[in-house]
Amino acid sequence: MAVQPLEFETPIFELEKKIDELKNMSSLSDQDMKHELNSLEKKLEKVKSNIYKSLTAPQKVLVARHPQRPYLLDYIKMLFTDFVELHGDRNFRDDPAIIGGMAKFEGEPVVIVGHQKGRNTKENIHRNFGMAHPEGYRKALRIFEMAEKYNRPIISFIDTPGAFPGIGAEERGQAEAIARNLKEMAGLTVPFISVISGEGGSGGALGIAMGNRVLMLEHSIYAVISPEGCASILWKDASYSGKAAEALKLTAQDLKKLNVIDEIIQEPLGGAHRDYITTAENVRQALIKHLGELKQLSPERLFEYRCEKYMAMGVFAEQ
């Protein structure tokens, strides 16, 4: 699968093109081009490193939204076994924007819930671009309750622009569905890990993300509103989205400093969309570490730990 270049990646793709051309020339002639290839490949790694270690917040937004970034079904395939998907909220319908079910992680039964985007127009229409309706959050709640009943750890993957703001979704209680999820997630007594794998947009993300531990991939984003939405409100102009992205402190690095998240999961050089296998392995190691630590805690302590974590966020003054 050819990787689609982002605007700031032009130097990387130009070097990769030159390397491919040299390899083709070498295969068609007797000339030894190993020295030239080694030189270009070293230069490519240096350019990649320089670009990706100094990404701005607006650039990280582009990487987090990359259409070839691994999605939930990719992680399920690479990290879990015996996955059985559960459908429907037992009230209205099934919402394909959220996938959930039972699986095994490293041989241990777990519950998985997460957003799913599409790879093409047809899939995105089916998945509603990863934007869930209230029935999606009610399906997630049903699965959370099942995890609590059978004492299974929960792993959620977050990748959504936000909850769907359509008329039908509002009529069916979008705000109530997310608020109820927050209330019920706060009271869970099983280990709960949330992974921000791409976009973590507003309440649509938080509706399945209230874990004991919250992890973020290195180039993912997590914010109360999209940069475009923020710019439209503050400056009445979505073209100020870059300025908004900087102000929102939505990168993993910013949120780690603010103690909103617990760990940054390293991505391969060039982003998760360039190397699914390495990305999945990094996620696996992080999950093993945090699940191991959380499993040492009693159900009562897991509940208290989650309350303490979220009560400690933010700053307020009393008069």
Protein backbone atom coordinates (compact mmCIF):
# COMPACT_ATOMS: atom_id res chain seq x y z
CA MET A 1 0.00 0.00 0.00
CA ALA A 2 1.60 3.26 -1.17
CA VAL A 3 1.79 5.88 1.56
CA GLN A 4 0.09 9.19 0.78
CA PRO A 5 2.49 12.10 1.45
CA LEU A 6 1.59 14.96 3.74
CA GLU A 7 2.70 18.45 2.73
CA PHE A 8 5.63 18.66 5.15
CA GLU A 9 6.84 15.18 4.07
CA THR A 10 7.86 16.32 0.57
CA PRO A 11 11.64 16.08 1.26
CA ILE A 12 11.15 12.51 2.52
CA PHE A 13 9.24 11.40 -0.56
CA GLU A 14 11.72 13.07 -2.92
CA LEU A 15 14.57 11.10 -1.33
CA GLU A 16 12.57 7.87 -1.38
CA LYS A 17 11.88 8.43 -5.07
CA LYS A 18 15.59 8.91 -5.79
CA ILE A 19 16.43 5.73 -3.86
CA ASP A 20 13.84 3.74 -5.83
CA GLU A 21 15.22 5.11 -9.12
CA LEU A 22 18.77 4.14 -8.14
CA LYS A 23 17.64 0.64 -7.18
CA ASN A 24 15.90 0.24 -10.55
CA MET A 25 19.00 1.48 -12.40
CA SER A 26 21.21 -0.89 -10.42
CA SER A 27 19.01 -3.88 -11.27
CA LEU A 28 19.05 -3.01 -14.98
CA SER A 29 22.81 -2.47 -15.28
CA ASP A 30 26.12 -3.83 -14.04
CA GLN A 31 26.98 -0.62 -12.17
CA ASP A 32 27.63 -0.92 -8.46
CA MET A 33 25.58 1.78 -6.76
CA LYS A 34 25.82 0.55 -3.17
CA HIS A 35 27.81 3.59 -2.03
CA GLU A 36 25.29 6.05 -3.51
CA LEU A 37 22.38 4.06 -2.08
CA ASN A 38 23.90 3.90 1.40
CA SER A 39 24.55 7.63 1.31
CA LEU A 40 20.97 8.43 0.26
CA GLU A 41 19.47 6.02 2.80
CA LYS A 42 21.47 7.63 5.62
CA LYS A 43 20.35 11.04 4.43
CA LEU A 44 16.73 9.82 4.34
CA GLU A 45 16.87 8.60 7.94
CA LYS A 46 18.36 11.92 9.04
CA VAL A 47 15.70 13.94 7.20
CA LYS A 48 12.91 11.76 8.64
CA SER A 49 14.31 12.15 12.13
CA ASN A 50 14.67 15.92 11.83
CA ILE A 51 11.13 16.35 10.50
CA TYR A 52 9.32 14.00 12.88
CA LYS A 53 11.16 15.09 16.01
CA SER A 54 10.16 18.71 15.47
CA LEU A 55 6.55 18.43 14.30
CA THR A 56 4.33 21.36 15.17
CA ALA A 57 0.86 20.84 16.66
CA PRO A 58 -0.89 21.49 13.28
CA GLN A 59 1.42 18.94 11.64
CA LYS A 60 0.65 16.37 14.34
CA VAL A 61 -3.05 16.91 13.61
CA LEU A 62 -2.37 15.89 9.99
CA VAL A 63 -0.44 12.78 11.06
CA ALA A 64 -3.14 11.78 13.56
CA ARG A 65 -5.74 12.03 10.78
CA HIS A 66 -3.66 10.23 8.14
CA PRO A 67 -6.08 7.98 6.19
CA GLN A 68 -3.59 5.08 6.22
CA ARG A 69 -3.02 5.12 9.97
CA PRO A 70 -3.85 1.77 11.67
CA TYR A 71 -7.45 1.59 12.87
CA LEU A 72 -9.16 -0.54 15.49
CA LEU A 73 -9.72 -3.58 13.27
CA ASP A 74 -6.02 -3.52 12.38
CA TYR A 75 -5.07 -3.56 16.07
CA ILE A 76 -7.56 -6.35 16.77
CA LYS A 77 -5.98 -8.44 14.01
CA MET A 78 -2.42 -7.79 15.19
CA LEU A 79 -2.80 -7.85 18.99
CA PHE A 80 -5.77 -10.01 19.95
CA THR A 81 -7.08 -13.52 19.37
CA ASP A 82 -10.54 -15.14 19.50
CA PHE A 83 -12.33 -11.84 18.90
CA VAL A 84 -16.13 -12.08 18.97
CA GLU A 85 -17.89 -8.86 17.97
CA LEU A 86 -21.06 -7.86 19.83
CA HIS A 87 -23.69 -5.82 18.03
CA GLY A 88 -26.48 -3.44 18.98
CA ASP A 89 -27.52 -1.37 21.99
CA ARG A 90 -30.67 -3.46 22.65
CA ASN A 91 -32.67 -0.29 22.15
CA PHE A 92 -32.42 1.20 18.65
CA ARG A 93 -29.80 -0.33 16.32
CA ASP A 94 -26.16 -1.31 15.86
CA ASP A 95 -23.73 1.57 15.28
CA PRO A 96 -20.81 0.57 13.01
CA ALA A 97 -18.78 3.61 14.15
CA ILE A 98 -18.06 1.77 17.40
CA ILE A 99 -16.86 -1.83 17.48
CA GLY A 100 -16.78 -3.91 20.63
CA GLY A 101 -16.60 -7.45 21.81
CA MET A 102 -14.78 -10.20 23.67
CA ALA A 103 -11.23 -11.28 22.86
CA LYS A 104 -8.02 -12.60 24.35
CA PHE A 105 -4.88 -10.56 24.89
CA GLU A 106 -1.73 -12.58 25.59
CA GLY A 107 -4.02 -15.51 26.43
CA GLU A 108 -6.14 -13.54 28.92
CA PRO A 109 -9.84 -12.77 28.32
CA VAL A 110 -10.46 -9.04 27.82
CA VAL A 111 -13.13 -6.73 26.45
CA ILE A 112 -12.39 -4.38 23.53
CA VAL A 113 -14.29 -1.23 22.56
CA GLY A 114 -13.22 1.38 20.03
CA HIS A 115 -13.99 3.72 17.15
CA GLN A 116 -13.61 2.50 13.59
CA LYS A 117 -13.10 4.73 10.55
CA GLY A 118 -13.24 3.64 6.92
CA ARG A 119 -10.48 3.34 4.31
CA ASN A 120 -12.56 4.54 1.37
CA THR A 121 -15.74 6.50 0.70
CA LYS A 122 -18.03 3.46 0.96
CA GLU A 123 -16.50 2.32 4.26
CA ASN A 124 -16.51 5.85 5.69
CA ILE A 125 -20.19 6.25 4.92
CA HIS A 126 -20.86 2.89 6.63
CA ARG A 127 -18.70 3.83 9.66
CA ASN A 128 -19.86 7.48 9.62
CA PHE A 129 -16.18 8.55 9.59
CA GLY A 130 -15.78 7.13 13.09
CA MET A 131 -18.39 9.50 14.55
CA ALA A 132 -20.72 7.52 16.80
CA HIS A 133 -24.45 8.02 17.38
CA PRO A 134 -25.92 7.62 20.89
CA GLU A 135 -26.65 3.96 20.15
CA GLY A 136 -22.89 3.48 19.67
CA TYR A 137 -22.20 4.77 23.18
CA ARG A 138 -25.07 2.67 24.57
CA LYS A 139 -23.56 -0.39 22.86
CA ALA A 140 -20.22 0.47 24.48
CA LEU A 141 -21.93 0.80 27.87
CA ARG A 142 -23.58 -2.61 27.44
CA ILE A 143 -20.13 -4.09 26.79
CA PHE A 144 -18.59 -2.25 29.77
CA GLU A 145 -21.32 -3.70 32.00
CA MET A 146 -20.58 -7.17 30.62
CA ALA A 147 -16.89 -6.69 31.45
CA GLU A 148 -17.82 -5.72 35.00
CA LYS A 149 -20.13 -8.72 35.36
CA TYR A 150 -17.53 -11.23 34.17
CA ASN A 151 -14.52 -9.42 35.70
CA ARG A 152 -12.69 -8.83 32.41
CA PRO A 153 -10.21 -5.99 31.83
CA ILE A 154 -11.33 -3.33 29.34
CA ILE A 155 -9.16 -1.96 26.55
CA SER A 156 -10.57 0.92 24.50
CA PHE A 157 -9.12 2.45 21.34
CA ILE A 158 -10.07 6.05 20.60
CA ASP A 159 -9.96 7.52 17.09
CA THR A 160 -12.80 9.91 16.29
CA PRO A 161 -13.30 13.54 15.22
CA GLY A 162 -16.11 13.61 17.80
CA ALA A 163 -19.59 12.30 18.44
CA PHE A 164 -21.97 12.71 15.50
CA PRO A 165 -23.84 16.06 15.84
CA GLY A 166 -26.78 15.26 13.53
CA ILE A 167 -30.43 15.98 14.32
CA GLY A 168 -31.31 12.29 14.71
CA ALA A 169 -28.42 11.73 17.12
CA GLU A 170 -29.50 14.70 19.23
CA GLU A 171 -33.11 13.54 19.20
CA ARG A 172 -32.05 10.13 20.49
CA GLY A 173 -30.06 11.65 23.35
CA GLN A 174 -26.44 12.02 22.30
CA ALA A 175 -25.46 14.13 25.33
CA GLU A 176 -27.30 11.83 27.76
CA ALA A 177 -25.65 8.72 26.30
CA ILE A 178 -22.14 10.15 26.71
CA ALA A 179 -22.90 11.54 30.18
CA ARG A 180 -24.26 8.18 31.33
CA ASN A 181 -21.13 6.44 30.00
CA LEU A 182 -18.96 8.82 32.02
CA LYS A 183 -20.96 8.11 35.16
CA GLU A 184 -20.87 4.34 34.70
CA MET A 185 -17.21 4.21 33.65
CA ALA A 186 -16.28 6.12 36.82
CA GLY A 187 -17.75 3.30 38.90
CA LEU A 188 -16.12 0.34 37.14
CA THR A 189 -14.05 -2.00 39.32
CA VAL A 190 -12.11 -3.80 36.57
CA PRO A 191 -8.78 -2.72 35.02
CA PHE A 192 -9.47 -0.23 32.23
CA ILE A 193 -6.88 1.04 29.73
CA SER A 194 -7.67 3.62 27.06
CA VAL A 195 -5.42 4.12 24.03
CA ILE A 196 -5.68 7.31 21.94
CA SER A 197 -4.54 5.90 18.61
CA GLY A 198 -5.45 8.76 16.26
CA GLU A 199 -7.90 11.57 16.91
CA GLY A 200 -9.36 12.00 20.37
CA GLY A 201 -12.13 14.46 19.67
CA SER A 202 -14.19 16.00 22.48
CA GLY A 203 -16.92 14.05 24.32
CA GLY A 204 -17.05 11.62 21.42
CA ALA A 205 -13.63 10.39 22.53
CA LEU A 206 -14.17 10.70 26.27
CA GLY A 207 -17.37 8.63 26.04
CA ILE A 208 -15.24 5.45 25.92
CA ALA A 209 -11.95 6.77 27.30
CA MET A 210 -12.26 7.03 31.08
CA GLY A 211 -9.60 4.43 31.80
CA ASN A 212 -7.47 3.88 34.88
CA ARG A 213 -4.59 4.48 32.50
CA VAL A 214 -4.78 6.63 29.37
CA LEU A 215 -2.07 6.05 26.75
CA MET A 216 -1.43 8.06 23.59
CA LEU A 217 0.46 7.19 20.47
CA GLU A 218 3.29 9.63 19.87
CA HIS A 219 1.60 11.52 17.02
CA SER A 220 -2.03 11.24 18.12
CA ILE A 221 -4.12 14.17 19.40
CA TYR A 222 -6.67 14.59 22.21
CA ALA A 223 -8.71 17.76 22.77
CA VAL A 224 -12.03 19.18 23.89
CA ILE A 225 -12.74 20.41 20.35
CA SER A 226 -11.21 20.13 16.89
CA PRO A 227 -8.79 22.90 15.86
CA GLU A 228 -11.20 23.91 13.08
CA GLY A 229 -14.14 24.08 15.50
CA CYS A 230 -12.12 26.09 17.99
CA ALA A 231 -10.99 28.54 15.30
CA SER A 232 -14.55 28.96 14.04
CA ILE A 233 -15.73 29.90 17.53
CA LEU A 234 -12.85 32.13 18.63
CA TRP A 235 -11.89 33.81 15.36
CA LYS A 236 -14.99 33.09 13.24
CA ASP A 237 -12.61 31.61 10.68
CA ALA A 238 -11.56 27.95 10.36
CA SER A 239 -8.35 29.01 8.58
CA TYR A 240 -6.97 29.85 12.04
CA SER A 241 -6.99 26.14 12.89
CA GLY A 242 -3.18 26.03 13.13
CA LYS A 243 -3.21 28.75 15.77
CA ALA A 244 -6.00 26.90 17.58
CA ALA A 245 -4.06 23.61 17.48
CA GLU A 246 -1.12 25.27 19.24
CA ALA A 247 -3.38 26.84 21.88
CA LEU A 248 -5.36 23.66 22.60
CA LYS A 249 -2.28 21.75 23.85
CA LEU A 250 -3.63 18.65 22.09
CA THR A 251 -0.42 16.72 21.46
CA ALA A 252 0.65 13.70 23.49
CA GLN A 253 3.71 15.59 24.68
CA ASP A 254 1.62 18.51 26.00
CA LEU A 255 -0.92 16.25 27.67
CA LYS A 256 1.78 14.18 29.37
CA LYS A 257 3.20 17.37 30.90
CA LEU A 258 -0.31 18.29 32.09
CA ASN A 259 -0.80 14.79 33.61
CA VAL A 260 -3.89 14.16 31.48
CA ILE A 261 -2.34 10.96 30.09
CA ASP A 262 -0.07 8.35 31.65
CA GLU A 263 2.28 7.28 28.85
CA ILE A 264 3.29 8.15 25.30
CA ILE A 265 3.65 5.10 23.05
CA GLN A 266 6.47 5.60 20.57
CA GLU A 267 5.65 5.40 16.86
CA PRO A 268 8.04 4.23 14.13
CA LEU A 269 10.05 6.97 12.45
CA GLY A 270 7.68 8.57 9.96
CA GLY A 271 4.49 7.73 11.86
CA ALA A 272 2.33 4.70 12.59
CA HIS A 273 0.99 4.65 9.01
CA ARG A 274 4.46 3.65 7.75
CA ASP A 275 4.92 0.55 9.92
CA TYR A 276 1.89 -1.23 11.37
CA ILE A 277 3.87 -4.13 12.84
CA THR A 278 6.26 -2.01 14.90
CA THR A 279 3.40 0.23 16.04
CA ALA A 280 1.35 -2.76 17.16
CA GLU A 281 4.31 -4.24 19.02
CA ASN A 282 4.86 -0.96 20.87
CA VAL A 283 1.18 -0.90 21.82
CA ARG A 284 1.40 -4.54 22.93
CA GLN A 285 4.29 -3.85 25.28
CA ALA A 286 2.53 -0.84 26.79
CA LEU A 287 -0.66 -2.84 27.36
CA ILE A 288 1.26 -5.72 28.96
CA LYS A 289 3.00 -3.29 31.33
CA HIS A 290 -0.10 -1.36 32.42
CA LEU A 291 -2.43 -4.36 32.62
CA GLY A 292 0.13 -6.12 34.79
CA GLU A 293 0.25 -3.16 37.17
CA LEU A 294 -3.53 -2.67 37.32
CA LYS A 295 -4.20 -6.35 37.95
CA GLN A 296 -2.29 -6.03 41.21
CA LEU A 297 -4.95 -3.64 42.54
CA SER A 298 -8.16 -4.73 44.27
CA PRO A 299 -11.55 -3.82 42.69
CA GLU A 300 -12.06 -1.22 45.42
CA ARG A 301 -8.66 0.33 44.76
CA LEU A 302 -9.25 0.39 40.98
CA PHE A 303 -12.43 2.41 41.59
CA GLU A 304 -10.67 4.79 44.00
CA TYR A 305 -7.65 5.10 41.69
CA ARG A 306 -9.86 6.18 38.77
CA CYS A 307 -11.69 8.75 40.91
CA GLU A 308 -8.41 10.19 42.21
CA LYS A 309 -6.97 10.37 38.69
CA TYR A 310 -9.80 12.45 37.24
CA MET A 311 -10.42 14.57 40.34
CA ALA A 312 -6.76 15.65 40.25
CA MET A 313 -7.04 17.08 36.72
CA GLY A 314 -7.32 20.81 36.21
CA VAL A 315 -6.89 23.79 38.49
CA PHE A 316 -9.52 25.67 40.43
CA ALA A 317 -9.67 28.33 43.12
CA GLU A 318 -12.03 28.60 46.07
CA GLN A 319 -13.25 31.96 47.38
